[in-house]
Amino acid sequence: MATKNISEIERNIDAIYQTRHVTNAMYMLSVTAMRRGLANIGYNREYMRNVCSAVKDILEKSPDVRNAFIHAEDEADRRDTAFFVIASDKSLCGAYNQNVVSEAERQIRRVREDGRGALVYTAGLKIEEILKNRGVDVCRNFDGASQYPSLQQAYRIAQEIIGLFRSGSVRDVYAVYTDYVSSARQIATTHRLLPLAVENFETVALERPYTALMTYVPSPEETYEKIVRQYLQGFLYGALCSSLVCENLARMTAMQSATHNADEMLRKLESAYNTARQLAITSELTEIAAATELIKNAI
């Protein structure tokens, strides 16, 4: 019986050791991916600072600009709203996916309560799966965008959003993603991508404040058209990078906790193994002593 218990404990120890190797390896991979993502966020924020400054400048200094990306919000407009939801391709990252799902569902519910439809696009196999399981129709998933963010992926998504908005089938487009504020704070948030208005850039500081009139070549409309495309591409790339960093931070925490739990279980199992082994040795010694006593008495 003792031998059976020892063998079972040994099997459990081996299984937990293997699991610990996996969780520790995933933790290290997440650390590397997070550091790389943080560098990309820093570069993109510097770029977006300049682009947002240019957009704000045109909106403020050229109020007569007419463009498809600018229009006053009309409460009587009953057209649909499009959502681009960014989360993970994989699980094992704590509540990361669930937080994004909760924010997306809240926004979709708000739109539906207003009597309008919601068109949902996703970046992330896991978020697509969860939303579909909850009865949300996903128009399209951009495969690989959440796991391997790139400017090419951001450009592809920006073109899809621009085409959707220009078609007139939606009145506004929102991005739902996890914003990286600091290593201790990540927030599932919603940001309006289109249409743009001065209110979107209230916190943006102009790079070169001036009072004279600015001349745009070939025209403010064409300049704004190109800058808006750059703005969307840059923002989407930043949102993808920010989401990936937050995902890896959540996975780091989850894997670190799993590794700590595995260490605790190993400590208890090793203690149980030593106790069982000691009992087995004691039992064997007792049997040997009893057998020796019987032999002596028989002689």
Protein backbone atom coordinates (compact mmCIF):
# COMPACT_ATOMS: atom_id res chain seq x y z
CA MET A 1 0.00 0.00 0.00
CA ALA A 2 2.87 2.36 0.89
CA THR A 3 4.63 1.52 -2.38
CA LYS A 4 1.44 2.35 -4.29
CA ASN A 5 1.17 5.72 -2.53
CA ILE A 6 4.82 6.53 -3.24
CA SER A 7 4.42 5.70 -6.95
CA GLU A 8 1.32 7.86 -7.19
CA ILE A 9 3.06 10.79 -5.50
CA GLU A 10 6.04 10.40 -7.86
CA ARG A 11 3.71 10.54 -10.89
CA ASN A 12 2.05 13.69 -9.53
CA ILE A 13 5.42 15.33 -8.90
CA ASP A 14 6.58 14.56 -12.47
CA ALA A 15 3.34 15.96 -13.94
CA ILE A 16 3.55 19.18 -11.92
CA TYR A 17 7.24 19.61 -12.79
CA GLN A 18 6.35 19.42 -16.49
CA THR A 19 3.51 21.92 -16.04
CA ARG A 20 5.84 24.25 -14.16
CA HIS A 21 8.35 24.16 -17.02
CA VAL A 22 5.58 25.20 -19.43
CA THR A 23 4.23 28.04 -17.28
CA ASN A 24 7.73 29.37 -16.57
CA ALA A 25 8.62 29.26 -20.28
CA MET A 26 5.40 31.11 -21.17
CA TYR A 27 6.25 33.73 -18.55
CA MET A 28 9.69 34.32 -20.08
CA LEU A 29 8.25 34.56 -23.60
CA SER A 30 5.67 37.08 -22.40
CA VAL A 31 8.39 39.22 -20.81
CA THR A 32 10.30 39.35 -24.11
CA ALA A 33 7.17 40.16 -26.15
CA MET A 34 6.10 42.84 -23.68
CA ARG A 35 9.46 44.64 -23.81
CA ARG A 36 9.45 44.62 -27.60
CA GLY A 37 5.87 45.91 -27.64
CA LEU A 38 6.69 48.74 -25.22
CA ALA A 39 9.41 49.99 -27.57
CA ASN A 40 6.94 50.00 -30.48
CA ILE A 41 4.39 51.92 -28.39
CA GLY A 42 6.98 54.59 -27.61
CA TYR A 43 7.88 55.08 -31.28
CA ASN A 44 4.24 55.16 -32.36
CA ARG A 45 3.21 57.68 -29.69
CA GLU A 46 5.85 60.10 -30.93
CA TYR A 47 4.60 59.68 -34.50
CA MET A 48 0.94 60.07 -33.46
CA ARG A 49 1.76 63.25 -31.53
CA ASN A 50 2.79 64.91 -34.80
CA VAL A 51 -0.08 63.49 -36.86
CA CYS A 52 -2.72 64.47 -34.28
CA SER A 53 -1.22 67.96 -34.11
CA ALA A 54 -1.58 68.32 -37.90
CA VAL A 55 -5.19 67.05 -37.85
CA LYS A 56 -6.12 69.42 -35.01
CA ASP A 57 -4.43 72.29 -36.81
CA ILE A 58 -6.52 71.77 -39.96
CA LEU A 59 -9.75 71.33 -38.01
CA GLU A 60 -9.17 74.52 -36.02
CA LYS A 61 -7.60 76.77 -38.67
CA SER A 62 -9.66 75.60 -41.65
CA PRO A 63 -13.22 75.19 -40.35
CA ASP A 64 -14.60 75.36 -43.90
CA VAL A 65 -12.91 72.10 -44.94
CA ARG A 66 -15.45 69.65 -46.34
CA ASN A 67 -14.52 66.00 -46.13
CA ALA A 68 -16.30 62.65 -45.80
CA PHE A 69 -14.47 62.02 -42.52
CA ILE A 70 -15.97 65.13 -40.89
CA HIS A 71 -19.61 65.70 -40.15
CA ALA A 72 -21.70 66.86 -37.24
CA GLU A 73 -23.22 64.05 -35.20
CA ASP A 74 -26.93 63.77 -35.91
CA GLU A 75 -29.05 62.04 -33.29
CA ALA A 76 -31.73 61.43 -35.92
CA ASP A 77 -29.27 59.41 -38.01
CA ARG A 78 -30.35 55.77 -37.48
CA ARG A 79 -27.55 54.13 -39.44
CA ASP A 80 -25.50 51.32 -37.90
CA THR A 81 -22.35 51.67 -35.82
CA ALA A 82 -19.21 49.62 -36.52
CA PHE A 83 -16.93 48.29 -33.79
CA PHE A 84 -13.38 47.06 -34.25
CA VAL A 85 -12.59 44.89 -31.21
CA ILE A 86 -8.99 43.94 -30.41
CA ALA A 87 -8.09 41.12 -28.02
CA SER A 88 -6.09 37.89 -28.05
CA ASP A 89 -5.55 34.92 -30.33
CA LYS A 90 -4.94 32.76 -27.25
CA SER A 91 -6.16 32.25 -23.71
CA LEU A 92 -4.14 31.79 -20.49
CA CYS A 93 -3.98 35.56 -19.95
CA GLY A 94 -6.21 36.04 -16.92
CA ALA A 95 -9.17 38.39 -17.31
CA TYR A 96 -7.68 40.23 -20.31
CA ASN A 97 -10.10 38.87 -22.93
CA GLN A 98 -13.08 39.05 -20.58
CA ASN A 99 -12.49 42.73 -19.84
CA VAL A 100 -12.49 43.56 -23.56
CA VAL A 101 -15.61 41.43 -24.10
CA SER A 102 -17.43 43.24 -21.29
CA GLU A 103 -16.54 46.65 -22.75
CA ALA A 104 -17.56 45.57 -26.27
CA GLU A 105 -20.88 44.16 -25.06
CA ARG A 106 -21.60 47.36 -23.13
CA GLN A 107 -21.02 49.47 -26.24
CA ILE A 108 -23.04 47.15 -28.49
CA ARG A 109 -25.90 47.20 -25.98
CA ARG A 110 -25.81 51.02 -25.93
CA VAL A 111 -26.13 51.19 -29.71
CA ARG A 112 -28.93 48.64 -29.84
CA GLU A 113 -30.87 50.43 -27.13
CA ASP A 114 -30.69 53.49 -29.38
CA GLY A 115 -32.48 51.48 -32.06
CA ARG A 116 -29.46 51.01 -34.31
CA GLY A 117 -27.50 47.99 -35.47
CA ALA A 118 -23.91 47.07 -34.61
CA LEU A 119 -21.38 45.71 -37.11
CA VAL A 120 -18.54 43.95 -35.30
CA TYR A 121 -15.04 43.34 -36.66
CA THR A 122 -12.37 41.65 -34.56
CA ALA A 123 -8.64 41.10 -34.32
CA GLY A 124 -8.05 37.97 -32.26
CA LEU A 125 -9.31 34.41 -32.63
CA LYS A 126 -10.27 34.18 -28.96
CA ILE A 127 -12.34 37.36 -28.93
CA GLU A 128 -14.07 36.25 -32.14
CA GLU A 129 -14.92 32.90 -30.54
CA ILE A 130 -16.22 34.43 -27.29
CA LEU A 131 -18.39 37.02 -29.06
CA LYS A 132 -19.89 34.40 -31.38
CA ASN A 133 -20.65 32.15 -28.40
CA ARG A 134 -22.51 35.09 -26.85
CA GLY A 135 -24.67 35.59 -29.90
CA VAL A 136 -22.79 38.47 -31.51
CA ASP A 137 -22.36 38.25 -35.30
CA VAL A 138 -18.76 38.96 -36.28
CA CYS A 139 -18.47 40.35 -39.80
CA ARG A 140 -14.77 39.61 -40.14
CA ASN A 141 -11.71 38.69 -38.11
CA PHE A 142 -8.33 40.08 -39.13
CA ASP A 143 -6.17 37.01 -38.62
CA GLY A 144 -2.76 37.56 -37.10
CA ALA A 145 -3.24 41.29 -36.48
CA SER A 146 -3.43 41.01 -32.69
CA GLN A 147 -0.56 38.53 -32.35
CA TYR A 148 1.80 40.12 -34.88
CA PRO A 149 0.99 43.85 -35.13
CA SER A 150 2.55 45.59 -38.11
CA LEU A 151 2.02 48.74 -40.14
CA GLN A 152 0.88 46.53 -43.03
CA GLN A 153 -1.82 44.98 -40.83
CA ALA A 154 -2.85 48.42 -39.58
CA TYR A 155 -3.02 49.73 -43.16
CA ARG A 156 -5.21 46.79 -44.20
CA ILE A 157 -7.62 47.39 -41.32
CA ALA A 158 -7.64 51.17 -41.90
CA GLN A 159 -8.57 50.62 -45.56
CA GLU A 160 -11.42 48.34 -44.52
CA ILE A 161 -12.73 50.91 -42.02
CA ILE A 162 -12.43 53.78 -44.51
CA GLY A 163 -14.25 51.76 -47.17
CA LEU A 164 -17.01 50.87 -44.73
CA PHE A 165 -17.43 54.48 -43.62
CA ARG A 166 -17.35 55.88 -47.15
CA SER A 167 -20.00 53.39 -48.27
CA GLY A 168 -22.49 55.22 -46.06
CA SER A 169 -23.66 52.05 -44.31
CA VAL A 170 -22.45 53.24 -40.89
CA ARG A 171 -22.60 56.62 -39.17
CA ASP A 172 -19.60 56.06 -36.87
CA VAL A 173 -16.75 53.63 -36.18
CA TYR A 174 -15.26 52.77 -32.79
CA ALA A 175 -12.20 50.80 -31.66
CA VAL A 176 -12.51 48.69 -28.49
CA TYR A 177 -9.15 47.66 -27.07
CA THR A 178 -7.00 47.62 -23.93
CA ASP A 179 -5.05 50.82 -23.44
CA TYR A 180 -1.63 50.53 -21.80
CA VAL A 181 -1.27 53.30 -19.21
CA SER A 182 1.46 51.77 -17.07
CA SER A 183 2.64 48.35 -15.93
CA ALA A 184 0.19 48.63 -13.05
CA ARG A 185 -2.76 50.01 -15.01
CA GLN A 186 -4.36 48.77 -18.24
CA ILE A 187 -7.88 49.86 -19.20
CA ALA A 188 -10.38 48.30 -21.60
CA THR A 189 -11.56 51.38 -23.47
CA THR A 190 -13.54 52.57 -26.48
CA HIS A 191 -12.27 55.24 -28.88
CA ARG A 192 -14.17 56.80 -31.78
CA LEU A 193 -12.21 56.48 -35.01
CA LEU A 194 -14.65 58.14 -37.41
CA PRO A 195 -15.99 60.73 -37.90
CA LEU A 196 -13.37 63.09 -36.55
CA ALA A 197 -14.08 66.34 -34.74
CA VAL A 198 -12.08 68.97 -32.87
CA GLU A 199 -13.35 67.44 -29.60
CA ASN A 200 -11.31 64.30 -30.37
CA PHE A 201 -8.10 66.32 -30.09
CA GLU A 202 -8.76 68.59 -27.12
CA THR A 203 -5.75 67.24 -25.20
CA VAL A 204 -3.40 67.43 -28.22
CA ALA A 205 -0.84 70.22 -28.13
CA LEU A 206 0.08 71.89 -31.43
CA GLU A 207 3.71 71.26 -32.35
CA ARG A 208 4.22 74.78 -33.72
CA PRO A 209 1.58 77.23 -32.46
CA TYR A 210 1.13 80.23 -34.71
CA THR A 211 -1.38 82.96 -35.51
CA ALA A 212 -0.87 83.41 -39.25
CA LEU A 213 -2.96 81.60 -41.83
CA MET A 214 -1.57 78.31 -43.13
CA THR A 215 -1.54 77.44 -46.84
CA TYR A 216 -2.11 73.78 -47.67
CA VAL A 217 -0.89 72.33 -50.97
CA PRO A 218 -2.65 71.18 -53.06
CA SER A 219 -5.66 72.01 -50.81
CA PRO A 220 -6.82 71.60 -47.19
CA GLU A 221 -9.29 68.89 -48.32
CA GLU A 222 -6.67 66.72 -50.05
CA THR A 223 -4.12 67.30 -47.29
CA TYR A 224 -6.68 66.35 -44.67
CA GLU A 225 -7.65 63.24 -46.65
CA LYS A 226 -4.08 61.94 -46.61
CA ILE A 227 -3.42 62.88 -43.00
CA VAL A 228 -6.60 61.16 -41.80
CA ARG A 229 -5.48 57.94 -43.47
CA GLN A 230 -2.11 58.22 -41.73
CA TYR A 231 -3.88 59.00 -38.46
CA LEU A 232 -6.09 55.89 -38.71
CA GLN A 233 -3.18 53.66 -39.63
CA GLY A 234 -1.04 55.03 -36.80
CA PHE A 235 -3.81 54.83 -34.23
CA LEU A 236 -4.73 51.26 -35.18
CA TYR A 237 -1.09 50.19 -35.06
CA GLY A 238 -0.75 51.77 -31.62
CA ALA A 239 -3.95 50.09 -30.42
CA LEU A 240 -2.71 46.69 -31.66
CA CYS A 241 0.67 47.17 -29.96
CA SER A 242 -0.94 48.43 -26.75
CA SER A 243 -3.31 45.45 -26.69
CA LEU A 244 -0.44 43.01 -27.24
CA VAL A 245 1.58 44.55 -24.38
CA CYS A 246 -1.45 44.36 -22.06
CA GLU A 247 -2.09 40.76 -23.13
CA ASN A 248 1.49 39.77 -22.32
CA LEU A 249 1.36 41.61 -19.00
CA ALA A 250 -1.80 39.68 -18.10
CA ARG A 251 -0.20 36.42 -19.24
CA MET A 252 2.94 37.19 -17.22
CA THR A 253 0.82 37.63 -14.09
CA ALA A 254 -1.19 34.47 -14.78
CA MET A 255 1.87 32.34 -15.53
CA GLN A 256 3.79 33.73 -12.56
CA SER A 257 0.85 32.83 -10.33
CA ALA A 258 0.61 29.37 -11.92
CA THR A 259 4.34 28.78 -11.41
CA HIS A 260 4.07 29.88 -7.77
CA ASN A 261 1.13 27.51 -7.24
CA ALA A 262 3.10 24.69 -8.85
CA ASP A 263 6.01 25.37 -6.48
CA GLU A 264 3.62 25.20 -3.51
CA MET A 265 2.12 21.93 -4.73
CA LEU A 266 5.59 20.48 -5.30
CA ARG A 267 6.63 21.46 -1.79
CA LYS A 268 3.59 19.69 -0.30
CA LEU A 269 4.01 16.62 -2.52
CA GLU A 270 7.71 16.35 -1.72
CA SER A 271 6.86 16.55 1.98
CA ALA A 272 4.20 13.86 1.50
CA TYR A 273 6.68 11.77 -0.51
CA ASN A 274 9.33 11.99 2.24
CA THR A 275 6.75 11.07 4.87
CA ALA A 276 5.48 8.11 2.82
CA ARG A 277 9.05 7.00 2.10
CA GLN A 278 9.92 7.21 5.80
CA LEU A 279 6.85 5.17 6.72
CA ALA A 280 7.76 2.58 4.09
CA ILE A 281 11.31 2.29 5.45
CA THR A 282 10.01 2.06 9.01
CA SER A 283 7.55 -0.64 7.95
CA GLU A 284 10.30 -2.61 6.22
CA LEU A 285 12.57 -2.37 9.28
CA THR A 286 9.72 -3.50 11.54
CA GLU A 287 9.06 -6.50 9.29
CA ILE A 288 12.77 -7.40 9.25
CA ALA A 289 13.01 -7.11 13.05
CA ALA A 290 9.89 -9.27 13.50
CA ALA A 291 11.21 -11.90 11.10
CA THR A 292 14.58 -11.94 12.89
CA GLU A 293 12.82 -12.41 16.27
CA LEU A 294 10.80 -15.32 14.89
CA ILE A 295 13.93 -16.99 13.56
CA LYS A 296 15.65 -16.64 16.94
CA ASN A 297 12.68 -18.07 18.80
CA ALA A 298 12.47 -20.95 16.33
CA ILE A 299 16.11 -21.81 16.91
